[in-house]
Amino acid sequence: MANPNKFKSVSVPIDTYKKLSYLADGKFLDAKLTISKTIEALATRAAKKTGYKNGKV
């Protein structure tokens, strides 16, 4: 079982899941990613763009 201190699960609509699957298949980065890594990469990119750094704004 996953460590709840490190991992959380999310629910997304099916349409969003399909978009994430499309992006995970090498469209977002040059490598094939899992859905969770795709979400992580998108969140990291958006956080950097808005000024989020190491847990501080």
Protein backbone atom coordinates (compact mmCIF):
# COMPACT_ATOMS: atom_id res chain seq x y z
CA MET A 1 0.00 0.00 0.00
CA ALA A 2 1.22 3.50 -0.82
CA ASN A 3 2.50 5.76 1.94
CA PRO A 4 -0.28 8.31 2.66
CA ASN A 5 2.34 10.84 3.79
CA LYS A 6 3.87 10.87 0.30
CA PHE A 7 1.00 10.03 -2.06
CA LYS A 8 -2.61 11.11 -2.52
CA SER A 9 -5.11 9.85 -5.03
CA VAL A 10 -7.21 12.06 -7.26
CA SER A 11 -10.38 11.55 -9.23
CA VAL A 12 -10.74 13.15 -12.62
CA PRO A 13 -13.59 13.12 -15.12
CA ILE A 14 -13.24 10.59 -17.94
CA ASP A 15 -12.73 13.37 -20.50
CA THR A 16 -9.81 14.73 -18.45
CA TYR A 17 -8.39 11.22 -18.10
CA LYS A 18 -8.46 10.84 -21.88
CA LYS A 19 -6.61 14.15 -22.26
CA LEU A 20 -4.02 13.05 -19.71
CA SER A 21 -3.59 9.73 -21.52
CA TYR A 22 -3.04 11.59 -24.79
CA LEU A 23 -0.45 13.87 -23.19
CA ALA A 24 1.23 10.95 -21.40
CA ASP A 25 1.80 9.18 -24.71
CA GLY A 26 4.77 11.38 -25.60
CA LYS A 27 2.85 14.49 -26.62
CA PHE A 28 3.74 16.57 -23.54
CA LEU A 29 7.35 15.48 -23.11
CA ASP A 30 9.52 13.41 -25.40
CA ALA A 31 9.07 10.35 -23.19
CA LYS A 32 6.03 8.21 -22.44
CA LEU A 33 4.80 9.00 -18.93
CA THR A 34 2.35 7.52 -16.49
CA ILE A 35 -0.80 9.48 -15.74
CA SER A 36 0.55 10.44 -12.30
CA LYS A 37 3.84 11.69 -13.74
CA THR A 38 1.93 13.66 -16.37
CA ILE A 39 -0.12 15.35 -13.65
CA GLU A 40 3.09 16.01 -11.68
CA ALA A 41 4.83 17.55 -14.71
CA LEU A 42 1.83 19.76 -15.54
CA ALA A 43 1.48 20.89 -11.92
CA THR A 44 5.21 21.63 -11.63
CA ARG A 45 5.19 23.65 -14.85
CA ALA A 46 2.12 25.64 -13.75
CA ALA A 47 3.54 26.22 -10.25
CA LYS A 48 6.82 27.57 -11.60
CA LYS A 49 4.93 29.83 -14.00
CA THR A 50 2.93 31.34 -11.14
CA GLY A 51 5.90 31.83 -8.79
CA TYR A 52 5.67 28.77 -6.50
CA LYS A 53 9.12 27.80 -5.14
CA ASN A 54 9.84 25.03 -2.61
CA GLY A 55 6.50 25.30 -0.85
CA LYS A 56 6.54 29.09 -0.66
CA VAL A 57 4.88 31.67 -2.83
